[in-house]
Amino acid sequence: MRMAGHVQTVLGPVPPDSLGPTLMHEHVLCDITPRSLRQAASARPALLQPITLASRYDIDYGRHPHAGKTVMLDRELAVAELDLFRAEGGASMVEMTIGGLAPDPEGLVEVSRRTGVQLVMGCGQYVEDFQDPANHARSVEDFAAEMLGALRQGAWGTAVRAGIIGEIGCSAPWTPLERRVMAGAVLAQRESGAALTIHPGVHPDQPAEIIAFLRAHGGDIGRTIIDHVDRTIFDDDRLFALADTGCVLEFDLFGYEHAYWSFAPINMPNDGTRIDTIRRLLDRGHAGQIVISQDICRLTRLRAFGGHGYGHIFRNIVPFMRERGFSQAELDAMLVHTPRRLLTLPG
């Protein structure tokens, strides 16, 4: 049953104005290890070497494969990290661990209860390389039913309900299976009114391709978030054209300032460049279409392993934005009002 005018957290529905400062794209409990790397680790123990102060930078940089850095399944560690996040100013978080990434809804319930951080859980399927091969036999309607069930009854065999659809995974080029999942996500969005958040492939034209697909299938563009804009689009023409569609642009790799060469031939922007890009969008009138986050999905980005942790945006980025002339109203739009709008299930 839809909870009109409420936000669905893993602990149940809450009033939208209870969210406070919200990060729209994080992982708290997940395993985002590629299948091929997981298989290789069984024959090459070096791929599971301990993460130490001497090794963490090279492991995080990504040029040297490591099969353990993307395994974040320790609930005690998650509690410690989210305690820091809350102490540094964070209140709520959208947790994007979905099909193919080892979702743990009951673990999220425990972590939320123990920390007081409100967690909104996603649903759906990640990119094809991470999906169960059995998904190739599934229909659009079957994927839609899975997502609607997660929103209304509970996800992954539990009674813990999702509050957003996604991050729906796309590769570049886009695969037929991923298109069927996306079509199912649009059906689920139309039926539920939930926001839809999308992981685009690493190609600057794919966000536009996705928006065209959503329009053709009746998706709600104003309640659609294009994730990872800061590793996908590097020119203002494409960026402004995407913003003009009315979708939400998510700059969700704050704190990740390495080159992206281990994934694709991309020179990742640093946080200052992200802030400058957001400034240009705000000056163009897109204040209600921007959200920010960090997409933490590896141990080396946690405070316990020498990383910046979930509180980086509140500890470092928000003060820096203020120094660069961002108003409180602009900060509140990105961290409070736009997340609240997107996460409120409409009546």
C-alpha atoms as a PDB file:
ATOM      1  CA  MET A   1       0.000   0.000   0.000  1.00  0.00           C
ATOM      2  CA  ARG A   2       1.415   3.410  -0.964  1.00  0.00           C
ATOM      3  CA  MET A   3       2.184   5.762   1.928  1.00  0.00           C
ATOM      4  CA  ALA A   4       1.112   9.073   0.356  1.00  0.00           C
ATOM      5  CA  GLY A   5       3.088  12.030   1.591  1.00  0.00           C
ATOM      6  CA  HIS A   6       5.616   9.896   3.431  1.00  0.00           C
ATOM      7  CA  VAL A   7       9.190   8.784   2.837  1.00  0.00           C
ATOM      8  CA  GLN A   8       9.699   5.020   3.059  1.00  0.00           C
ATOM      9  CA  THR A   9      12.804   4.216   5.116  1.00  0.00           C
ATOM     10  CA  VAL A  10      14.035   0.769   6.094  1.00  0.00           C
ATOM     11  CA  LEU A  11      12.431   1.338   9.511  1.00  0.00           C
ATOM     12  CA  GLY A  12       9.099   2.347   8.009  1.00  0.00           C
ATOM     13  CA  PRO A  13       7.396   5.507   6.706  1.00  0.00           C
ATOM     14  CA  VAL A  14       8.475   8.879   8.095  1.00  0.00           C
ATOM     15  CA  PRO A  15       7.310  12.466   7.463  1.00  0.00           C
ATOM     16  CA  PRO A  16       9.283  14.098   4.641  1.00  0.00           C
ATOM     17  CA  ASP A  17      10.404  17.009   6.823  1.00  0.00           C
ATOM     18  CA  SER A  18      12.148  14.562   9.184  1.00  0.00           C
ATOM     19  CA  LEU A  19      14.842  13.716   6.619  1.00  0.00           C
ATOM     20  CA  GLY A  20      17.209  16.620   7.198  1.00  0.00           C
ATOM     21  CA  PRO A  21      20.486  16.745   5.223  1.00  0.00           C
ATOM     22  CA  THR A  22      20.418  13.763   2.867  1.00  0.00           C
ATOM     23  CA  LEU A  23      22.976  12.084   0.623  1.00  0.00           C
ATOM     24  CA  MET A  24      21.236  10.560  -2.401  1.00  0.00           C
ATOM     25  CA  HIS A  25      23.685   7.839  -3.442  1.00  0.00           C
ATOM     26  CA  GLU A  26      25.723   5.707  -1.030  1.00  0.00           C
ATOM     27  CA  HIS A  27      26.382   2.064  -0.231  1.00  0.00           C
ATOM     28  CA  VAL A  28      26.460   0.899   3.383  1.00  0.00           C
ATOM     29  CA  LEU A  29      26.344  -2.906   3.054  1.00  0.00           C
ATOM     30  CA  CYS A  30      27.300  -4.333  -0.333  1.00  0.00           C
ATOM     31  CA  ASP A  31      29.620  -6.547  -2.371  1.00  0.00           C
ATOM     32  CA  ILE A  32      30.460  -4.817  -5.649  1.00  0.00           C
ATOM     33  CA  THR A  33      33.266  -7.177  -6.619  1.00  0.00           C
ATOM     34  CA  PRO A  34      33.144  -8.091 -10.331  1.00  0.00           C
ATOM     35  CA  ARG A  35      32.450 -11.775 -10.890  1.00  0.00           C
ATOM     36  CA  SER A  36      35.704 -12.265 -12.798  1.00  0.00           C
ATOM     37  CA  LEU A  37      37.792 -10.744 -10.014  1.00  0.00           C
ATOM     38  CA  ARG A  38      36.027 -12.823  -7.379  1.00  0.00           C
ATOM     39  CA  GLN A  39      36.814 -15.977  -9.343  1.00  0.00           C
ATOM     40  CA  ALA A  40      40.432 -14.955  -9.893  1.00  0.00           C
ATOM     41  CA  ALA A  41      40.946 -14.393  -6.169  1.00  0.00           C
ATOM     42  CA  SER A  42      40.426 -18.084  -5.419  1.00  0.00           C
ATOM     43  CA  ALA A  43      43.584 -18.865  -7.406  1.00  0.00           C
ATOM     44  CA  ARG A  44      45.528 -15.680  -6.559  1.00  0.00           C
ATOM     45  CA  PRO A  45      45.558 -14.965  -2.798  1.00  0.00           C
ATOM     46  CA  ALA A  46      47.479 -11.731  -3.458  1.00  0.00           C
ATOM     47  CA  LEU A  47      44.201 -10.237  -4.726  1.00  0.00           C
ATOM     48  CA  LEU A  48      42.940 -10.441  -1.139  1.00  0.00           C
ATOM     49  CA  GLN A  49      45.960  -8.936   0.599  1.00  0.00           C
ATOM     50  CA  PRO A  50      45.177  -7.035   3.823  1.00  0.00           C
ATOM     51  CA  ILE A  51      44.506  -3.335   3.444  1.00  0.00           C
ATOM     52  CA  THR A  52      47.158  -1.446   5.393  1.00  0.00           C
ATOM     53  CA  LEU A  53      48.335   2.143   5.605  1.00  0.00           C
ATOM     54  CA  ALA A  54      51.163   1.157   3.263  1.00  0.00           C
ATOM     55  CA  SER A  55      48.875  -0.424   0.654  1.00  0.00           C
ATOM     56  CA  ARG A  56      45.558   1.441   0.837  1.00  0.00           C
ATOM     57  CA  TYR A  57      46.433   4.199  -1.639  1.00  0.00           C
ATOM     58  CA  ASP A  58      47.489   1.839  -4.421  1.00  0.00           C
ATOM     59  CA  ILE A  59      44.479  -0.374  -3.733  1.00  0.00           C
ATOM     60  CA  ASP A  60      42.141   2.607  -3.835  1.00  0.00           C
ATOM     61  CA  TYR A  61      43.755   4.045  -6.960  1.00  0.00           C
ATOM     62  CA  GLY A  62      42.665   0.929  -8.791  1.00  0.00           C
ATOM     63  CA  ARG A  63      45.620   0.127 -11.024  1.00  0.00           C
ATOM     64  CA  HIS A  64      46.340  -2.988  -8.955  1.00  0.00           C
ATOM     65  CA  PRO A  65      43.328  -5.349  -8.736  1.00  0.00           C
ATOM     66  CA  HIS A  66      42.086  -6.166  -5.242  1.00  0.00           C
ATOM     67  CA  ALA A  67      39.149  -8.500  -4.628  1.00  0.00           C
ATOM     68  CA  GLY A  68      38.450  -7.417  -1.056  1.00  0.00           C
ATOM     69  CA  LYS A  69      38.155  -3.647  -1.202  1.00  0.00           C
ATOM     70  CA  THR A  70      34.583  -3.732  -2.539  1.00  0.00           C
ATOM     71  CA  VAL A  71      33.278  -6.189   0.065  1.00  0.00           C
ATOM     72  CA  MET A  72      31.446  -4.065   2.643  1.00  0.00           C
ATOM     73  CA  LEU A  73      29.336  -6.543   4.601  1.00  0.00           C
ATOM     74  CA  ASP A  74      30.484  -5.841   8.172  1.00  0.00           C
ATOM     75  CA  ARG A  75      27.569  -4.374  10.133  1.00  0.00           C
ATOM     76  CA  GLU A  76      29.791  -3.245  13.018  1.00  0.00           C
ATOM     77  CA  LEU A  77      32.006  -1.313  10.632  1.00  0.00           C
ATOM     78  CA  ALA A  78      28.940   0.232   8.992  1.00  0.00           C
ATOM     79  CA  VAL A  79      27.627   1.366  12.382  1.00  0.00           C
ATOM     80  CA  ALA A  80      30.950   2.993  13.269  1.00  0.00           C
ATOM     81  CA  GLU A  81      31.122   4.823   9.930  1.00  0.00           C
ATOM     82  CA  LEU A  82      27.513   6.059  10.065  1.00  0.00           C
ATOM     83  CA  ASP A  83      27.994   7.237  13.647  1.00  0.00           C
ATOM     84  CA  LEU A  84      30.724   9.522  12.294  1.00  0.00           C
ATOM     85  CA  PHE A  85      28.459  10.612   9.418  1.00  0.00           C
ATOM     86  CA  ARG A  86      25.732  11.667  11.842  1.00  0.00           C
ATOM     87  CA  ALA A  87      28.171  13.450  14.141  1.00  0.00           C
ATOM     88  CA  GLU A  88      29.440  15.450  11.158  1.00  0.00           C
ATOM     89  CA  GLY A  89      26.012  16.715  10.138  1.00  0.00           C
ATOM     90  CA  GLY A  90      24.372  13.991   8.063  1.00  0.00           C
ATOM     91  CA  ALA A  91      20.872  12.803   8.895  1.00  0.00           C
ATOM     92  CA  SER A  92      19.660  10.558   6.055  1.00  0.00           C
ATOM     93  CA  MET A  93      21.084   8.532   3.205  1.00  0.00           C
ATOM     94  CA  VAL A  94      19.817   6.677   0.139  1.00  0.00           C
ATOM     95  CA  GLU A  95      21.365   3.189   0.018  1.00  0.00           C
ATOM     96  CA  MET A  96      21.745   1.973  -3.559  1.00  0.00           C
ATOM     97  CA  THR A  97      22.702  -1.696  -3.100  1.00  0.00           C
ATOM     98  CA  ILE A  98      20.378  -3.631  -5.432  1.00  0.00           C
ATOM     99  CA  GLY A  99      20.249  -6.870  -7.442  1.00  0.00           C
ATOM    100  CA  GLY A 100      23.746  -8.160  -8.213  1.00  0.00           C
ATOM    101  CA  LEU A 101      25.417  -6.245  -5.370  1.00  0.00           C
ATOM    102  CA  ALA A 102      24.511  -8.466  -2.360  1.00  0.00           C
ATOM    103  CA  PRO A 103      21.737  -6.361  -0.787  1.00  0.00           C
ATOM    104  CA  ASP A 104      21.175  -6.865   2.964  1.00  0.00           C
ATOM    105  CA  PRO A 105      17.890  -5.169   3.949  1.00  0.00           C
ATOM    106  CA  GLU A 106      17.845  -6.576   7.474  1.00  0.00           C
ATOM    107  CA  GLY A 107      21.417  -5.412   7.963  1.00  0.00           C
ATOM    108  CA  LEU A 108      20.345  -1.908   6.955  1.00  0.00           C
ATOM    109  CA  VAL A 109      17.553  -2.069   9.536  1.00  0.00           C
ATOM    110  CA  GLU A 110      20.081  -2.921  12.247  1.00  0.00           C
ATOM    111  CA  VAL A 111      22.501  -0.193  11.189  1.00  0.00           C
ATOM    112  CA  SER A 112      19.741   2.431  11.000  1.00  0.00           C
ATOM    113  CA  ARG A 113      18.362   1.525  14.428  1.00  0.00           C
ATOM    114  CA  ARG A 114      21.776   1.618  16.072  1.00  0.00           C
ATOM    115  CA  THR A 115      22.942   4.898  14.496  1.00  0.00           C
ATOM    116  CA  GLY A 116      19.771   6.930  14.088  1.00  0.00           C
ATOM    117  CA  VAL A 117      20.640   7.556  10.434  1.00  0.00           C
ATOM    118  CA  GLN A 118      17.533   7.228   8.270  1.00  0.00           C
ATOM    119  CA  LEU A 119      18.204   4.910   5.336  1.00  0.00           C
ATOM    120  CA  VAL A 120      16.091   4.767   2.180  1.00  0.00           C
ATOM    121  CA  MET A 121      16.737   1.550   0.261  1.00  0.00           C
ATOM    122  CA  GLY A 122      16.774   1.142  -3.510  1.00  0.00           C
ATOM    123  CA  CYS A 123      15.501  -1.753  -5.607  1.00  0.00           C
ATOM    124  CA  GLY A 124      15.941  -3.180  -9.092  1.00  0.00           C
ATOM    125  CA  GLN A 125      18.947  -4.591 -10.940  1.00  0.00           C
ATOM    126  CA  TYR A 126      22.487  -3.308 -11.523  1.00  0.00           C
ATOM    127  CA  VAL A 127      24.411  -3.639 -14.822  1.00  0.00           C
ATOM    128  CA  GLU A 128      24.224  -6.923 -16.731  1.00  0.00           C
ATOM    129  CA  ASP A 129      27.716  -8.107 -15.751  1.00  0.00           C
ATOM    130  CA  PHE A 130      26.572  -8.260 -12.106  1.00  0.00           C
ATOM    131  CA  GLN A 131      23.106  -9.715 -12.640  1.00  0.00           C
ATOM    132  CA  ASP A 132      22.018 -13.299 -12.109  1.00  0.00           C
ATOM    133  CA  PRO A 133      22.263 -15.037 -15.534  1.00  0.00           C
ATOM    134  CA  ALA A 134      18.700 -16.281 -14.977  1.00  0.00           C
ATOM    135  CA  ASN A 135      17.528 -12.695 -15.551  1.00  0.00           C
ATOM    136  CA  HIS A 136      17.984 -13.211 -19.299  1.00  0.00           C
ATOM    137  CA  ALA A 137      14.776 -15.261 -19.281  1.00  0.00           C
ATOM    138  CA  ARG A 138      12.717 -12.666 -17.419  1.00  0.00           C
ATOM    139  CA  SER A 139      10.187 -10.274 -18.953  1.00  0.00           C
ATOM    140  CA  VAL A 140       9.709  -6.526 -18.561  1.00  0.00           C
ATOM    141  CA  GLU A 141       6.580  -7.203 -16.532  1.00  0.00           C
ATOM    142  CA  ASP A 142       8.447  -9.566 -14.223  1.00  0.00           C
ATOM    143  CA  PHE A 143      11.092  -6.947 -13.453  1.00  0.00           C
ATOM    144  CA  ALA A 144       8.359  -4.361 -12.823  1.00  0.00           C
ATOM    145  CA  ALA A 145       6.565  -6.731 -10.448  1.00  0.00           C
ATOM    146  CA  GLU A 146       9.810  -7.306  -8.534  1.00  0.00           C
ATOM    147  CA  MET A 147      10.321  -3.572  -8.026  1.00  0.00           C
ATOM    148  CA  LEU A 148       6.708  -2.909  -7.087  1.00  0.00           C
ATOM    149  CA  GLY A 149       6.886  -5.774  -4.600  1.00  0.00           C
ATOM    150  CA  ALA A 150      10.031  -4.260  -3.070  1.00  0.00           C
ATOM    151  CA  LEU A 151       8.274  -0.900  -2.713  1.00  0.00           C
ATOM    152  CA  ARG A 152       5.019  -2.295  -1.343  1.00  0.00           C
ATOM    153  CA  GLN A 153       5.755  -5.516   0.531  1.00  0.00           C
ATOM    154  CA  GLY A 154       9.499  -5.893   0.996  1.00  0.00           C
ATOM    155  CA  ALA A 155      12.714  -6.573  -0.901  1.00  0.00           C
ATOM    156  CA  TRP A 156      14.931  -9.634  -1.332  1.00  0.00           C
ATOM    157  CA  GLY A 157      12.756 -11.985   0.700  1.00  0.00           C
ATOM    158  CA  THR A 158      12.299  -9.606   3.658  1.00  0.00           C
ATOM    159  CA  ALA A 159       9.596  -7.281   4.906  1.00  0.00           C
ATOM    160  CA  VAL A 160      11.924  -4.282   4.530  1.00  0.00           C
ATOM    161  CA  ARG A 161      10.495  -1.938   1.904  1.00  0.00           C
ATOM    162  CA  ALA A 162      12.371   0.085  -0.669  1.00  0.00           C
ATOM    163  CA  GLY A 163      11.684   3.801  -1.020  1.00  0.00           C
ATOM    164  CA  ILE A 164      13.180   4.504  -4.449  1.00  0.00           C
ATOM    165  CA  ILE A 165      13.714   2.607  -7.722  1.00  0.00           C
ATOM    166  CA  GLY A 166      17.357   2.053  -8.646  1.00  0.00           C
ATOM    167  CA  GLU A 167      20.196   2.563  -9.153  1.00  0.00           C
ATOM    168  CA  ILE A 168      19.089   0.856 -12.368  1.00  0.00           C
ATOM    169  CA  GLY A 169      22.265  -0.177 -14.173  1.00  0.00           C
ATOM    170  CA  CYS A 170      23.163   0.645 -17.774  1.00  0.00           C
ATOM    171  CA  SER A 171      26.313  -0.234 -19.692  1.00  0.00           C
ATOM    172  CA  ALA A 172      27.685   1.536 -22.751  1.00  0.00           C
ATOM    173  CA  PRO A 173      26.688   0.194 -25.175  1.00  0.00           C
ATOM    174  CA  TRP A 174      23.327  -0.511 -23.563  1.00  0.00           C
ATOM    175  CA  THR A 175      22.446  -4.219 -23.506  1.00  0.00           C
ATOM    176  CA  PRO A 176      19.019  -5.706 -24.341  1.00  0.00           C
ATOM    177  CA  LEU A 177      18.701  -7.131 -20.805  1.00  0.00           C
ATOM    178  CA  GLU A 178      19.412  -3.731 -19.246  1.00  0.00           C
ATOM    179  CA  ARG A 179      16.796  -2.145 -21.518  1.00  0.00           C
ATOM    180  CA  ARG A 180      14.198  -4.664 -20.299  1.00  0.00           C
ATOM    181  CA  VAL A 181      15.066  -3.877 -16.691  1.00  0.00           C
ATOM    182  CA  MET A 182      14.725  -0.159 -17.452  1.00  0.00           C
ATOM    183  CA  ALA A 183      11.367  -0.669 -19.124  1.00  0.00           C
ATOM    184  CA  GLY A 184      10.259  -2.541 -16.005  1.00  0.00           C
ATOM    185  CA  ALA A 185      11.541   0.307 -13.829  1.00  0.00           C
ATOM    186  CA  VAL A 186       9.444   2.798 -15.812  1.00  0.00           C
ATOM    187  CA  LEU A 187       6.350   0.635 -15.324  1.00  0.00           C
ATOM    188  CA  ALA A 188       7.079   0.495 -11.593  1.00  0.00           C
ATOM    189  CA  GLN A 189       7.606   4.272 -11.471  1.00  0.00           C
ATOM    190  CA  ARG A 190       4.328   4.948 -13.269  1.00  0.00           C
ATOM    191  CA  GLU A 191       2.421   2.620 -10.919  1.00  0.00           C
ATOM    192  CA  SER A 192       4.025   3.721  -7.642  1.00  0.00           C
ATOM    193  CA  GLY A 193       5.050   7.327  -8.190  1.00  0.00           C
ATOM    194  CA  ALA A 194       8.485   6.547  -6.734  1.00  0.00           C
ATOM    195  CA  ALA A 195      11.550   8.371  -7.992  1.00  0.00           C
ATOM    196  CA  LEU A 196      13.834   6.543 -10.412  1.00  0.00           C
ATOM    197  CA  THR A 197      17.624   6.779 -10.119  1.00  0.00           C
ATOM    198  CA  ILE A 198      19.844   5.539 -12.959  1.00  0.00           C
ATOM    199  CA  HIS A 199      23.479   4.459 -13.287  1.00  0.00           C
ATOM    200  CA  PRO A 200      24.473   5.402 -16.865  1.00  0.00           C
ATOM    201  CA  GLY A 201      27.221   3.736 -18.826  1.00  0.00           C
ATOM    202  CA  VAL A 202      30.554   5.485 -19.223  1.00  0.00           C
ATOM    203  CA  HIS A 203      29.750   7.421 -22.398  1.00  0.00           C
ATOM    204  CA  PRO A 204      28.806  11.116 -22.525  1.00  0.00           C
ATOM    205  CA  ASP A 205      25.831  10.513 -24.825  1.00  0.00           C
ATOM    206  CA  GLN A 206      24.192   7.765 -22.814  1.00  0.00           C
ATOM    207  CA  PRO A 207      22.309  10.030 -20.380  1.00  0.00           C
ATOM    208  CA  ALA A 208      20.526  11.571 -23.390  1.00  0.00           C
ATOM    209  CA  GLU A 209      19.820   8.083 -24.766  1.00  0.00           C
ATOM    210  CA  ILE A 210      18.303   7.087 -21.422  1.00  0.00           C
ATOM    211  CA  ILE A 211      16.108  10.188 -21.248  1.00  0.00           C
ATOM    212  CA  ALA A 212      14.826   9.515 -24.779  1.00  0.00           C
ATOM    213  CA  PHE A 213      13.995   5.925 -23.748  1.00  0.00           C
ATOM    214  CA  LEU A 214      12.141   7.125 -20.646  1.00  0.00           C
ATOM    215  CA  ARG A 215      10.117   9.626 -22.645  1.00  0.00           C
ATOM    216  CA  ALA A 216       9.164   6.960 -25.171  1.00  0.00           C
ATOM    217  CA  HIS A 217       7.998   4.671 -22.358  1.00  0.00           C
ATOM    218  CA  GLY A 218       6.103   7.279 -20.334  1.00  0.00           C
ATOM    219  CA  GLY A 219       8.631   7.851 -17.540  1.00  0.00           C
ATOM    220  CA  ASP A 220       8.423  10.835 -15.213  1.00  0.00           C
ATOM    221  CA  ILE A 221      11.525  12.844 -16.142  1.00  0.00           C
ATOM    222  CA  GLY A 222      11.119  15.293 -13.255  1.00  0.00           C
ATOM    223  CA  ARG A 223      11.345  12.369 -10.812  1.00  0.00           C
ATOM    224  CA  THR A 224      14.302  10.770 -12.589  1.00  0.00           C
ATOM    225  CA  ILE A 225      17.892  11.115 -11.381  1.00  0.00           C
ATOM    226  CA  ILE A 226      20.878  10.600 -13.669  1.00  0.00           C
ATOM    227  CA  ASP A 227      23.703   9.372 -11.445  1.00  0.00           C
ATOM    228  CA  HIS A 228      27.465   9.828 -11.836  1.00  0.00           C
ATOM    229  CA  VAL A 229      27.194  12.954 -13.991  1.00  0.00           C
ATOM    230  CA  ASP A 230      30.663  13.925 -12.776  1.00  0.00           C
ATOM    231  CA  ARG A 231      32.301  10.905 -14.449  1.00  0.00           C
ATOM    232  CA  THR A 232      30.129  10.912 -17.546  1.00  0.00           C
ATOM    233  CA  ILE A 233      29.680  14.405 -18.989  1.00  0.00           C
ATOM    234  CA  PHE A 234      32.597  16.817 -19.337  1.00  0.00           C
ATOM    235  CA  ASP A 235      31.271  19.553 -21.633  1.00  0.00           C
ATOM    236  CA  ASP A 236      28.670  22.224 -20.952  1.00  0.00           C
ATOM    237  CA  ASP A 237      26.711  21.619 -24.151  1.00  0.00           C
ATOM    238  CA  ARG A 238      25.770  18.081 -23.135  1.00  0.00           C
ATOM    239  CA  LEU A 239      25.417  19.056 -19.477  1.00  0.00           C
ATOM    240  CA  PHE A 240      23.035  21.932 -20.132  1.00  0.00           C
ATOM    241  CA  ALA A 241      21.038  19.890 -22.657  1.00  0.00           C
ATOM    242  CA  LEU A 242      20.574  17.184 -20.031  1.00  0.00           C
ATOM    243  CA  ALA A 243      19.527  19.736 -17.414  1.00  0.00           C
ATOM    244  CA  ASP A 244      17.021  21.217 -19.870  1.00  0.00           C
ATOM    245  CA  THR A 245      15.152  17.892 -19.976  1.00  0.00           C
ATOM    246  CA  GLY A 246      14.056  18.538 -16.382  1.00  0.00           C
ATOM    247  CA  CYS A 247      15.765  15.497 -14.855  1.00  0.00           C
ATOM    248  CA  VAL A 248      17.860  15.651 -11.682  1.00  0.00           C
ATOM    249  CA  LEU A 249      21.639  15.669 -12.100  1.00  0.00           C
ATOM    250  CA  GLU A 250      23.545  13.786  -9.435  1.00  0.00           C
ATOM    251  CA  PHE A 251      27.170  14.686  -8.690  1.00  0.00           C
ATOM    252  CA  ASP A 252      27.852  11.664  -6.526  1.00  0.00           C
ATOM    253  CA  LEU A 253      31.597  11.024  -6.617  1.00  0.00           C
ATOM    254  CA  PHE A 254      32.732  13.740  -4.226  1.00  0.00           C
ATOM    255  CA  GLY A 255      35.931  12.641  -2.554  1.00  0.00           C
ATOM    256  CA  TYR A 256      36.942  10.494  -5.533  1.00  0.00           C
ATOM    257  CA  GLU A 257      39.722  12.513  -7.109  1.00  0.00           C
ATOM    258  CA  HIS A 258      41.786   9.817  -8.846  1.00  0.00           C
ATOM    259  CA  ALA A 259      41.885   9.305 -12.575  1.00  0.00           C
ATOM    260  CA  TYR A 260      39.241   6.768 -13.601  1.00  0.00           C
ATOM    261  CA  TRP A 261      41.638   4.739 -15.741  1.00  0.00           C
ATOM    262  CA  SER A 262      40.978   1.432 -13.990  1.00  0.00           C
ATOM    263  CA  PHE A 263      37.367   1.645 -15.261  1.00  0.00           C
ATOM    264  CA  ALA A 264      37.540   3.759 -18.408  1.00  0.00           C
ATOM    265  CA  PRO A 265      39.810   6.340 -20.088  1.00  0.00           C
ATOM    266  CA  ILE A 266      38.486   9.221 -17.986  1.00  0.00           C
ATOM    267  CA  ASN A 267      40.297  12.015 -16.187  1.00  0.00           C
ATOM    268  CA  MET A 268      38.095  12.254 -13.106  1.00  0.00           C
ATOM    269  CA  PRO A 269      37.431  15.834 -11.954  1.00  0.00           C
ATOM    270  CA  ASN A 270      38.488  16.863  -8.481  1.00  0.00           C
ATOM    271  CA  ASP A 271      36.048  18.257  -5.937  1.00  0.00           C
ATOM    272  CA  GLY A 272      36.822  21.852  -6.891  1.00  0.00           C
ATOM    273  CA  THR A 273      35.935  21.138 -10.508  1.00  0.00           C
ATOM    274  CA  ARG A 274      32.683  19.498  -9.406  1.00  0.00           C
ATOM    275  CA  ILE A 275      31.810  22.595  -7.393  1.00  0.00           C
ATOM    276  CA  ASP A 276      32.566  24.893 -10.344  1.00  0.00           C
ATOM    277  CA  THR A 277      30.332  22.792 -12.604  1.00  0.00           C
ATOM    278  CA  ILE A 278      27.486  22.914 -10.105  1.00  0.00           C
ATOM    279  CA  ARG A 279      27.928  26.683  -9.885  1.00  0.00           C
ATOM    280  CA  ARG A 280      27.416  27.009 -13.635  1.00  0.00           C
ATOM    281  CA  LEU A 281      24.230  24.954 -13.420  1.00  0.00           C
ATOM    282  CA  LEU A 282      22.903  27.038 -10.536  1.00  0.00           C
ATOM    283  CA  ASP A 283      23.648  30.268 -12.378  1.00  0.00           C
ATOM    284  CA  ARG A 284      21.634  28.878 -15.301  1.00  0.00           C
ATOM    285  CA  GLY A 285      18.571  28.289 -13.092  1.00  0.00           C
ATOM    286  CA  HIS A 286      18.767  24.574 -12.235  1.00  0.00           C
ATOM    287  CA  ALA A 287      18.796  24.863  -8.434  1.00  0.00           C
ATOM    288  CA  GLY A 288      16.027  22.308  -7.948  1.00  0.00           C
ATOM    289  CA  GLN A 289      17.698  19.700 -10.167  1.00  0.00           C
ATOM    290  CA  ILE A 290      20.983  18.986  -8.387  1.00  0.00           C
ATOM    291  CA  VAL A 291      21.827  16.501  -5.654  1.00  0.00           C
ATOM    292  CA  ILE A 292      25.227  15.475  -4.323  1.00  0.00           C
ATOM    293  CA  SER A 293      26.737  12.394  -2.735  1.00  0.00           C
ATOM    294  CA  GLN A 294      29.908  10.239  -2.641  1.00  0.00           C
ATOM    295  CA  ASP A 295      28.898   6.734  -3.850  1.00  0.00           C
ATOM    296  CA  ILE A 296      31.102   5.028  -1.269  1.00  0.00           C
ATOM    297  CA  CYS A 297      31.371   1.368  -2.264  1.00  0.00           C
ATOM    298  CA  ARG A 298      34.876   0.354  -1.221  1.00  0.00           C
ATOM    299  CA  LEU A 299      36.593  -0.065   2.120  1.00  0.00           C
ATOM    300  CA  THR A 300      39.440   2.273   1.211  1.00  0.00           C
ATOM    301  CA  ARG A 301      37.060   5.248   1.155  1.00  0.00           C
ATOM    302  CA  LEU A 302      35.928   4.622   4.756  1.00  0.00           C
ATOM    303  CA  ARG A 303      37.470   6.461   7.699  1.00  0.00           C
ATOM    304  CA  ALA A 304      38.584   3.185   9.275  1.00  0.00           C
ATOM    305  CA  PHE A 305      40.846   2.550   6.264  1.00  0.00           C
ATOM    306  CA  GLY A 306      42.203   6.076   5.897  1.00  0.00           C
ATOM    307  CA  GLY A 307      39.520   7.335   3.509  1.00  0.00           C
ATOM    308  CA  HIS A 308      37.293  10.392   3.607  1.00  0.00           C
ATOM    309  CA  GLY A 309      34.191   8.619   4.919  1.00  0.00           C
ATOM    310  CA  TYR A 310      30.496   9.413   4.529  1.00  0.00           C
ATOM    311  CA  GLY A 311      30.862  12.768   6.291  1.00  0.00           C
ATOM    312  CA  HIS A 312      33.224  14.276   3.714  1.00  0.00           C
ATOM    313  CA  ILE A 313      30.525  16.425   2.133  1.00  0.00           C
ATOM    314  CA  PHE A 314      29.525  17.939   5.476  1.00  0.00           C
ATOM    315  CA  ARG A 315      33.045  18.162   6.882  1.00  0.00           C
ATOM    316  CA  ASN A 316      34.797  19.535   3.801  1.00  0.00           C
ATOM    317  CA  ILE A 317      32.591  20.238   0.784  1.00  0.00           C
ATOM    318  CA  VAL A 318      29.837  22.336   2.374  1.00  0.00           C
ATOM    319  CA  PRO A 319      32.344  24.706   4.065  1.00  0.00           C
ATOM    320  CA  PHE A 320      34.260  24.970   0.793  1.00  0.00           C
ATOM    321  CA  MET A 321      31.053  25.768  -1.098  1.00  0.00           C
ATOM    322  CA  ARG A 322      30.275  28.519   1.402  1.00  0.00           C
ATOM    323  CA  GLU A 323      33.759  29.936   0.856  1.00  0.00           C
ATOM    324  CA  ARG A 324      33.062  29.924  -2.888  1.00  0.00           C
ATOM    325  CA  GLY A 325      29.893  31.966  -2.434  1.00  0.00           C
ATOM    326  CA  PHE A 326      27.157  29.328  -2.321  1.00  0.00           C
ATOM    327  CA  SER A 327      24.154  30.547  -0.344  1.00  0.00           C
ATOM    328  CA  GLN A 328      22.447  28.585   2.405  1.00  0.00           C
ATOM    329  CA  ALA A 329      19.373  28.356   0.186  1.00  0.00           C
ATOM    330  CA  GLU A 330      21.443  26.726  -2.573  1.00  0.00           C
ATOM    331  CA  LEU A 331      23.002  24.250  -0.144  1.00  0.00           C
ATOM    332  CA  ASP A 332      19.599  23.420   1.343  1.00  0.00           C
ATOM    333  CA  ALA A 333      18.185  22.817  -2.137  1.00  0.00           C
ATOM    334  CA  MET A 334      20.852  20.186  -2.898  1.00  0.00           C
ATOM    335  CA  LEU A 335      20.946  18.509   0.498  1.00  0.00           C
ATOM    336  CA  VAL A 336      17.437  18.914   1.919  1.00  0.00           C
ATOM    337  CA  HIS A 337      14.664  20.140  -0.378  1.00  0.00           C
ATOM    338  CA  THR A 338      15.386  18.259  -3.614  1.00  0.00           C
ATOM    339  CA  PRO A 339      16.064  14.952  -1.794  1.00  0.00           C
ATOM    340  CA  ARG A 340      12.851  15.463   0.185  1.00  0.00           C
ATOM    341  CA  ARG A 341      10.857  16.076  -2.995  1.00  0.00           C
ATOM    342  CA  LEU A 342      12.284  13.025  -4.723  1.00  0.00           C
ATOM    343  CA  LEU A 343      11.857  10.662  -1.789  1.00  0.00           C
ATOM    344  CA  THR A 344       8.301  11.649  -0.910  1.00  0.00           C
ATOM    345  CA  LEU A 345       5.868   9.123  -2.306  1.00  0.00           C
ATOM    346  CA  PRO A 346       3.065  11.113  -3.964  1.00  0.00           C
ATOM    347  CA  GLY A 347      -0.617  10.680  -3.269  1.00  0.00           C
END
